[in-house]
PDB file of all heavy atoms in Angstrom:
ATOM      1  N   ARG A   1      16.518  10.501 -14.618  1.00  0.00           N
ATOM      2  CA  ARG A   1      16.691  10.267 -16.058  1.00  0.00           C
ATOM      3  C   ARG A   1      16.437   8.799 -16.401  1.00  0.00           C
ATOM      4  O   ARG A   1      15.847   8.483 -17.439  1.00  0.00           O
ATOM      5  CB  ARG A   1      18.084  10.694 -16.509  1.00  0.00           C
ATOM      6  CG  ARG A   1      18.230  12.195 -16.722  1.00  0.00           C
ATOM      7  CD  ARG A   1      19.517  12.537 -17.436  1.00  0.00           C
ATOM      8  NE  ARG A   1      20.675  12.296 -16.591  1.00  0.00           N
ATOM      9  CZ  ARG A   1      21.212  13.203 -15.788  1.00  0.00           C
ATOM     10  NH1 ARG A   1      20.671  14.414 -15.700  1.00  0.00           N
ATOM     11  NH2 ARG A   1      22.286  12.922 -15.068  1.00  0.00           N
ATOM     12  N   GLU A   2      16.876   7.904 -15.520  1.00  0.00           N
ATOM     13  CA  GLU A   2      16.671   6.468 -15.761  1.00  0.00           C
ATOM     14  C   GLU A   2      15.177   6.127 -15.728  1.00  0.00           C
ATOM     15  O   GLU A   2      14.677   5.408 -16.598  1.00  0.00           O
ATOM     16  CB  GLU A   2      17.419   5.659 -14.703  1.00  0.00           C
ATOM     17  CG  GLU A   2      17.307   4.150 -14.900  1.00  0.00           C
ATOM     18  CD  GLU A   2      18.082   3.377 -13.842  1.00  0.00           C
ATOM     19  OE1 GLU A   2      18.923   3.986 -13.150  1.00  0.00           O
ATOM     20  OE2 GLU A   2      17.837   2.166 -13.703  1.00  0.00           O
ATOM     21  N   ILE A   3      14.474   6.654 -14.735  1.00  0.00           N
ATOM     22  CA  ILE A   3      13.029   6.411 -14.651  1.00  0.00           C
ATOM     23  C   ILE A   3      12.321   7.015 -15.863  1.00  0.00           C
ATOM     24  O   ILE A   3      11.433   6.397 -16.462  1.00  0.00           O
ATOM     25  CB  ILE A   3      12.463   7.006 -13.343  1.00  0.00           C
ATOM     26  CG1 ILE A   3      13.039   6.279 -12.135  1.00  0.00           C
ATOM     27  CG2 ILE A   3      10.935   6.910 -13.326  1.00  0.00           C
ATOM     28  CD1 ILE A   3      12.664   6.895 -10.804  1.00  0.00           C
ATOM     29  N   GLY A   4      12.725   8.221 -16.260  1.00  0.00           N
ATOM     30  CA  GLY A   4      12.125   8.872 -17.414  1.00  0.00           C
ATOM     31  C   GLY A   4      12.344   8.103 -18.705  1.00  0.00           C
ATOM     32  O   GLY A   4      11.456   8.034 -19.559  1.00  0.00           O
ATOM     33  N   GLY A   5      13.527   7.509 -18.861  1.00  0.00           N
ATOM     34  CA  GLY A   5      13.794   6.713 -20.057  1.00  0.00           C
ATOM     35  C   GLY A   5      12.881   5.509 -20.152  1.00  0.00           C
ATOM     36  O   GLY A   5      12.376   5.171 -21.234  1.00  0.00           O
ATOM     37  N   LYS A   6      12.650   4.854 -19.035  1.00  0.00           N
ATOM     38  CA  LYS A   6      11.747   3.695 -19.037  1.00  0.00           C
ATOM     39  C   LYS A   6      10.301   4.134 -19.260  1.00  0.00           C
ATOM     40  O   LYS A   6       9.523   3.417 -19.891  1.00  0.00           O
ATOM     41  CB  LYS A   6      11.888   2.943 -17.719  1.00  0.00           C
ATOM     42  CG  LYS A   6      13.248   2.252 -17.576  1.00  0.00           C
ATOM     43  CD  LYS A   6      13.386   1.537 -16.251  1.00  0.00           C
ATOM     44  CE  LYS A   6      14.751   0.849 -16.165  1.00  0.00           C
ATOM     45  NZ  LYS A   6      14.961   0.173 -14.854  1.00  0.00           N
ATOM     46  N   ALA A   7       9.959   5.306 -18.744  1.00  0.00           N
ATOM     47  CA  ALA A   7       8.617   5.837 -18.983  1.00  0.00           C
ATOM     48  C   ALA A   7       8.388   6.084 -20.472  1.00  0.00           C
ATOM     49  O   ALA A   7       7.323   5.759 -21.016  1.00  0.00           O
ATOM     50  CB  ALA A   7       8.429   7.129 -18.196  1.00  0.00           C
ATOM     51  N   ARG A   8       9.384   6.641 -21.150  1.00  0.00           N
ATOM     52  CA  ARG A   8       9.249   6.910 -22.582  1.00  0.00           C
ATOM     53  C   ARG A   8       9.113   5.616 -23.383  1.00  0.00           C
ATOM     54  O   ARG A   8       8.300   5.524 -24.312  1.00  0.00           O
ATOM     55  CB  ARG A   8      10.438   7.731 -23.070  1.00  0.00           C
ATOM     56  CG  ARG A   8      10.374   8.059 -24.560  1.00  0.00           C
ATOM     57  CD  ARG A   8      11.506   8.985 -24.954  1.00  0.00           C
ATOM     58  NE  ARG A   8      11.663   9.063 -26.381  1.00  0.00           N
ATOM     59  CZ  ARG A   8      10.946   9.843 -27.191  1.00  0.00           C
ATOM     60  NH1 ARG A   8       9.994  10.598 -26.684  1.00  0.00           N
ATOM     61  NH2 ARG A   8      11.173   9.868 -28.473  1.00  0.00           N
ATOM     62  N   ARG A   9       9.892   4.601 -23.021  1.00  0.00           N
ATOM     63  CA  ARG A   9       9.787   3.317 -23.730  1.00  0.00           C
ATOM     64  C   ARG A   9       8.398   2.710 -23.542  1.00  0.00           C
ATOM     65  O   ARG A   9       7.848   2.092 -24.465  1.00  0.00           O
ATOM     66  CB  ARG A   9      10.875   2.362 -23.246  1.00  0.00           C
ATOM     67  CG  ARG A   9      12.264   2.716 -23.779  1.00  0.00           C
ATOM     68  CD  ARG A   9      13.259   1.608 -23.564  1.00  0.00           C
ATOM     69  NE  ARG A   9      13.603   1.448 -22.154  1.00  0.00           N
ATOM     70  CZ  ARG A   9      14.528   2.174 -21.539  1.00  0.00           C
ATOM     71  NH1 ARG A   9      15.193   3.110 -22.193  1.00  0.00           N
ATOM     72  NH2 ARG A   9      14.806   1.953 -20.264  1.00  0.00           N
ATOM     73  N   LEU A  10       7.834   2.874 -22.361  1.00  0.00           N
ATOM     74  CA  LEU A  10       6.475   2.389 -22.118  1.00  0.00           C
ATOM     75  C   LEU A  10       5.480   3.084 -23.042  1.00  0.00           C
ATOM     76  O   LEU A  10       4.600   2.433 -23.634  1.00  0.00           O
ATOM     77  CB  LEU A  10       6.098   2.633 -20.657  1.00  0.00           C
ATOM     78  CG  LEU A  10       4.655   2.315 -20.258  1.00  0.00           C
ATOM     79  CD1 LEU A  10       4.399   0.810 -20.337  1.00  0.00           C
ATOM     80  CD2 LEU A  10       4.357   2.828 -18.851  1.00  0.00           C
ATOM     81  N   ALA A  11       5.603   4.413 -23.185  1.00  0.00           N
ATOM     82  CA  ALA A  11       4.705   5.160 -24.065  1.00  0.00           C
ATOM     83  C   ALA A  11       4.856   4.696 -25.511  1.00  0.00           C
ATOM     84  O   ALA A  11       3.856   4.531 -26.233  1.00  0.00           O
ATOM     85  CB  ALA A  11       4.980   6.657 -23.949  1.00  0.00           C
ATOM     86  N   GLU A  12       6.087   4.485 -25.952  1.00  0.00           N
ATOM     87  CA  GLU A  12       6.327   4.043 -27.325  1.00  0.00           C
ATOM     88  C   GLU A  12       5.688   2.688 -27.596  1.00  0.00           C
ATOM     89  O   GLU A  12       5.137   2.447 -28.676  1.00  0.00           O
ATOM     90  CB  GLU A  12       7.836   3.967 -27.587  1.00  0.00           C
ATOM     91  CG  GLU A  12       8.523   5.321 -27.628  1.00  0.00           C
ATOM     92  CD  GLU A  12      10.038   5.204 -27.684  1.00  0.00           C
ATOM     93  OE1 GLU A  12      10.568   4.129 -27.291  1.00  0.00           O
ATOM     94  OE2 GLU A  12      10.694   6.164 -28.111  1.00  0.00           O
ATOM     95  N   GLU A  13       5.749   1.798 -26.615  1.00  0.00           N
ATOM     96  CA  GLU A  13       5.259   0.431 -26.811  1.00  0.00           C
ATOM     97  C   GLU A  13       3.743   0.310 -26.667  1.00  0.00           C
ATOM     98  O   GLU A  13       3.116  -0.483 -27.378  1.00  0.00           O
ATOM     99  CB  GLU A  13       5.938  -0.504 -25.802  1.00  0.00           C
ATOM    100  CG  GLU A  13       7.436  -0.670 -26.033  1.00  0.00           C
ATOM    101  CD  GLU A  13       8.129  -1.359 -24.868  1.00  0.00           C
ATOM    102  OE1 GLU A  13       7.428  -1.746 -23.899  1.00  0.00           O
ATOM    103  OE2 GLU A  13       9.366  -1.510 -24.918  1.00  0.00           O
ATOM    104  N   GLN A  14       3.149   1.093 -25.762  1.00  0.00           N
ATOM    105  CA  GLN A  14       1.741   0.850 -25.431  1.00  0.00           C
ATOM    106  C   GLN A  14       0.799   2.013 -25.706  1.00  0.00           C
ATOM    107  O   GLN A  14      -0.406   1.792 -25.829  1.00  0.00           O
ATOM    108  CB  GLN A  14       1.619   0.467 -23.946  1.00  0.00           C
ATOM    109  CG  GLN A  14       2.318  -0.823 -23.573  1.00  0.00           C
ATOM    110  CD  GLN A  14       1.995  -1.255 -22.161  1.00  0.00           C
ATOM    111  OE1 GLN A  14       0.915  -0.977 -21.631  1.00  0.00           O
ATOM    112  NE2 GLN A  14       2.911  -1.950 -21.525  1.00  0.00           N
ATOM    113  N   PHE A  15       1.307   3.248 -25.797  1.00  0.00           N
ATOM    114  CA  PHE A  15       0.400   4.386 -25.788  1.00  0.00           C
ATOM    115  C   PHE A  15       0.618   5.370 -26.936  1.00  0.00           C
ATOM    116  O   PHE A  15       0.388   6.568 -26.769  1.00  0.00           O
ATOM    117  CB  PHE A  15       0.503   5.112 -24.442  1.00  0.00           C
ATOM    118  CG  PHE A  15       0.186   4.236 -23.270  1.00  0.00           C
ATOM    119  CD1 PHE A  15       1.168   3.916 -22.343  1.00  0.00           C
ATOM    120  CD2 PHE A  15      -1.079   3.687 -23.124  1.00  0.00           C
ATOM    121  CE1 PHE A  15       0.884   3.091 -21.272  1.00  0.00           C
ATOM    122  CE2 PHE A  15      -1.372   2.854 -22.060  1.00  0.00           C
ATOM    123  CZ  PHE A  15      -0.388   2.555 -21.127  1.00  0.00           C
ATOM    124  N   SER A  16       1.025   4.892 -28.093  1.00  0.00           N
ATOM    125  CA  SER A  16       1.119   5.782 -29.248  1.00  0.00           C
ATOM    126  C   SER A  16      -0.274   5.965 -29.848  1.00  0.00           C
ATOM    127  O   SER A  16      -1.122   5.069 -29.786  1.00  0.00           O
ATOM    128  CB  SER A  16       2.062   5.196 -30.305  1.00  0.00           C
ATOM    129  OG  SER A  16       1.465   4.089 -30.946  1.00  0.00           O
ATOM    130  N   PHE A  17      -0.523   7.144 -30.436  1.00  0.00           N
ATOM    131  CA  PHE A  17      -1.848   7.370 -31.000  1.00  0.00           C
ATOM    132  C   PHE A  17      -2.062   6.502 -32.234  1.00  0.00           C
ATOM    133  O   PHE A  17      -3.201   6.181 -32.589  1.00  0.00           O
ATOM    134  CB  PHE A  17      -2.062   8.858 -31.299  1.00  0.00           C
ATOM    135  CG  PHE A  17      -1.411   9.368 -32.543  1.00  0.00           C
ATOM    136  CD1 PHE A  17      -2.081   9.389 -33.735  1.00  0.00           C
ATOM    137  CD2 PHE A  17      -0.109   9.855 -32.499  1.00  0.00           C
ATOM    138  CE1 PHE A  17      -1.479   9.877 -34.888  1.00  0.00           C
ATOM    139  CE2 PHE A  17       0.491  10.342 -33.639  1.00  0.00           C
ATOM    140  CZ  PHE A  17      -0.193  10.353 -34.846  1.00  0.00           C
ATOM    141  N   ARG A  18      -1.003   6.062 -32.896  1.00  0.00           N
ATOM    142  CA  ARG A  18      -1.156   5.163 -34.041  1.00  0.00           C
ATOM    143  C   ARG A  18      -1.713   3.812 -33.607  1.00  0.00           C
ATOM    144  O   ARG A  18      -2.559   3.215 -34.278  1.00  0.00           O
ATOM    145  CB  ARG A  18       0.185   4.993 -34.755  1.00  0.00           C
ATOM    146  CG  ARG A  18       0.646   6.239 -35.488  1.00  0.00           C
ATOM    147  CD  ARG A  18       1.911   6.010 -36.273  1.00  0.00           C
ATOM    148  NE  ARG A  18       2.280   7.201 -37.024  1.00  0.00           N
ATOM    149  CZ  ARG A  18       3.017   8.189 -36.529  1.00  0.00           C
ATOM    150  NH1 ARG A  18       3.467   8.116 -35.280  1.00  0.00           N
ATOM    151  NH2 ARG A  18       3.300   9.249 -37.255  1.00  0.00           N
ATOM    152  N   ARG A  19      -1.234   3.338 -32.456  1.00  0.00           N
ATOM    153  CA  ARG A  19      -1.767   2.085 -31.946  1.00  0.00           C
ATOM    154  C   ARG A  19      -3.236   2.255 -31.552  1.00  0.00           C
ATOM    155  O   ARG A  19      -4.058   1.369 -31.790  1.00  0.00           O
ATOM    156  CB  ARG A  19      -0.952   1.618 -30.738  1.00  0.00           C
ATOM    157  CG  ARG A  19      -1.479   0.337 -30.118  1.00  0.00           C
ATOM    158  CD  ARG A  19      -0.532  -0.245 -29.100  1.00  0.00           C
ATOM    159  NE  ARG A  19      -1.077  -1.471 -28.535  1.00  0.00           N
ATOM    160  CZ  ARG A  19      -0.399  -2.298 -27.759  1.00  0.00           C
ATOM    161  NH1 ARG A  19       0.847  -2.030 -27.451  1.00  0.00           N
ATOM    162  NH2 ARG A  19      -0.961  -3.387 -27.279  1.00  0.00           N
ATOM    163  N   MET A  20      -3.574   3.394 -30.958  1.00  0.00           N
ATOM    164  CA  MET A  20      -4.963   3.660 -30.604  1.00  0.00           C
ATOM    165  C   MET A  20      -5.848   3.623 -31.844  1.00  0.00           C
ATOM    166  O   MET A  20      -6.940   3.041 -31.840  1.00  0.00           O
ATOM    167  CB  MET A  20      -5.077   5.014 -29.907  1.00  0.00           C
ATOM    168  CG  MET A  20      -6.501   5.410 -29.557  1.00  0.00           C
ATOM    169  SD  MET A  20      -6.648   6.954 -28.601  1.00  0.00           S
ATOM    170  CE  MET A  20      -6.040   8.152 -29.790  1.00  0.00           C
ATOM    171  N   GLY A  21      -5.384   4.235 -32.942  1.00  0.00           N
ATOM    172  CA  GLY A  21      -6.164   4.235 -34.173  1.00  0.00           C
ATOM    173  C   GLY A  21      -6.390   2.845 -34.718  1.00  0.00           C
ATOM    174  O   GLY A  21      -7.498   2.504 -35.159  1.00  0.00           O
ATOM    175  N   ALA A  22      -5.365   2.003 -34.688  1.00  0.00           N
ATOM    176  CA  ALA A  22      -5.500   0.632 -35.179  1.00  0.00           C
ATOM    177  C   ALA A  22      -6.470  -0.167 -34.326  1.00  0.00           C
ATOM    178  O   ALA A  22      -7.280  -0.954 -34.841  1.00  0.00           O
ATOM    179  CB  ALA A  22      -4.130  -0.045 -35.201  1.00  0.00           C
ATOM    180  N   ASP A  23      -6.409   0.020 -33.012  1.00  0.00           N
ATOM    181  CA  ASP A  23      -7.308  -0.711 -32.117  1.00  0.00           C
ATOM    182  C   ASP A  23      -8.762  -0.298 -32.352  1.00  0.00           C
ATOM    183  O   ASP A  23      -9.668  -1.137 -32.353  1.00  0.00           O
ATOM    184  CB  ASP A  23      -6.923  -0.456 -30.660  1.00  0.00           C
ATOM    185  CG  ASP A  23      -5.620  -1.142 -30.267  1.00  0.00           C
ATOM    186  OD1 ASP A  23      -5.171  -2.029 -31.017  1.00  0.00           O
ATOM    187  OD2 ASP A  23      -5.054  -0.784 -29.214  1.00  0.00           O
ATOM    188  N   TYR A  24      -9.000   0.998 -32.540  1.00  0.00           N
ATOM    189  CA  TYR A  24     -10.367   1.452 -32.800  1.00  0.00           C
ATOM    190  C   TYR A  24     -10.865   0.963 -34.155  1.00  0.00           C
ATOM    191  O   TYR A  24     -12.055   0.640 -34.305  1.00  0.00           O
ATOM    192  CB  TYR A  24     -10.455   2.974 -32.732  1.00  0.00           C
ATOM    193  CG  TYR A  24     -10.839   3.485 -31.360  1.00  0.00           C
ATOM    194  CD1 TYR A  24      -9.980   4.289 -30.632  1.00  0.00           C
ATOM    195  CD2 TYR A  24     -12.066   3.156 -30.793  1.00  0.00           C
ATOM    196  CE1 TYR A  24     -10.328   4.755 -29.365  1.00  0.00           C
ATOM    197  CE2 TYR A  24     -12.416   3.617 -29.540  1.00  0.00           C
ATOM    198  CZ  TYR A  24     -11.544   4.408 -28.822  1.00  0.00           C
ATOM    199  OH  TYR A  24     -11.899   4.862 -27.583  1.00  0.00           O
ATOM    200  N   GLU A  25      -9.990   0.908 -35.123  1.00  0.00           N
ATOM    201  CA  GLU A  25     -10.402   0.423 -36.439  1.00  0.00           C
ATOM    202  C   GLU A  25     -10.975  -0.986 -36.347  1.00  0.00           C
ATOM    203  O   GLU A  25     -12.004  -1.311 -36.970  1.00  0.00           O
ATOM    204  CB  GLU A  25      -9.192   0.437 -37.386  1.00  0.00           C
ATOM    205  CG  GLU A  25      -9.526   0.097 -38.818  1.00  0.00           C
ATOM    206  CD  GLU A  25      -8.283   0.148 -39.688  1.00  0.00           C
ATOM    207  OE1 GLU A  25      -7.562  -0.871 -39.730  1.00  0.00           O
ATOM    208  OE2 GLU A  25      -8.021   1.206 -40.292  1.00  0.00           O
ATOM    209  N   LYS A  26     -10.367  -1.829 -35.538  1.00  0.00           N
ATOM    210  CA  LYS A  26     -10.882  -3.193 -35.343  1.00  0.00           C
ATOM    211  C   LYS A  26     -12.269  -3.170 -34.706  1.00  0.00           C
ATOM    212  O   LYS A  26     -13.145  -3.957 -35.069  1.00  0.00           O
ATOM    213  CB  LYS A  26      -9.915  -3.991 -34.466  1.00  0.00           C
ATOM    214  CG  LYS A  26      -8.560  -4.241 -35.103  1.00  0.00           C
ATOM    215  CD  LYS A  26      -7.617  -4.913 -34.111  1.00  0.00           C
ATOM    216  CE  LYS A  26      -6.224  -5.056 -34.700  1.00  0.00           C
ATOM    217  NZ  LYS A  26      -5.264  -5.636 -33.708  1.00  0.00           N
ATOM    218  N   LEU A  27     -12.464  -2.258 -33.750  1.00  0.00           N
ATOM    219  CA  LEU A  27     -13.765  -2.178 -33.084  1.00  0.00           C
ATOM    220  C   LEU A  27     -14.841  -1.617 -34.014  1.00  0.00           C
ATOM    221  O   LEU A  27     -16.002  -2.025 -33.935  1.00  0.00           O
ATOM    222  CB  LEU A  27     -13.657  -1.318 -31.826  1.00  0.00           C
ATOM    223  CG  LEU A  27     -12.786  -1.901 -30.709  1.00  0.00           C
ATOM    224  CD1 LEU A  27     -12.693  -0.932 -29.537  1.00  0.00           C
ATOM    225  CD2 LEU A  27     -13.342  -3.247 -30.251  1.00  0.00           C
ATOM    226  N   TYR A  28     -14.474  -0.704 -34.898  1.00  0.00           N
ATOM    227  CA  TYR A  28     -15.428  -0.185 -35.871  1.00  0.00           C
ATOM    228  C   TYR A  28     -15.920  -1.325 -36.782  1.00  0.00           C
ATOM    229  O   TYR A  28     -17.115  -1.422 -37.087  1.00  0.00           O
ATOM    230  CB  TYR A  28     -14.818   0.916 -36.720  1.00  0.00           C
ATOM    231  CG  TYR A  28     -14.420   2.167 -35.953  1.00  0.00           C
ATOM    232  CD1 TYR A  28     -13.356   2.956 -36.359  1.00  0.00           C
ATOM    233  CD2 TYR A  28     -15.116   2.570 -34.807  1.00  0.00           C
ATOM    234  CE1 TYR A  28     -13.001   4.097 -35.667  1.00  0.00           C
ATOM    235  CE2 TYR A  28     -14.763   3.707 -34.108  1.00  0.00           C
ATOM    236  CZ  TYR A  28     -13.688   4.465 -34.532  1.00  0.00           C
ATOM    237  OH  TYR A  28     -13.335   5.595 -33.852  1.00  0.00           O
TER     238      TYR A  28
END
């Protein structure tokens, strides 16, 4: 559970699809 909690925080900080959209918008 402890490892899973840190995994989820990593996804929230670095791998949300909203962040992906913003990064691609800059490249467009």
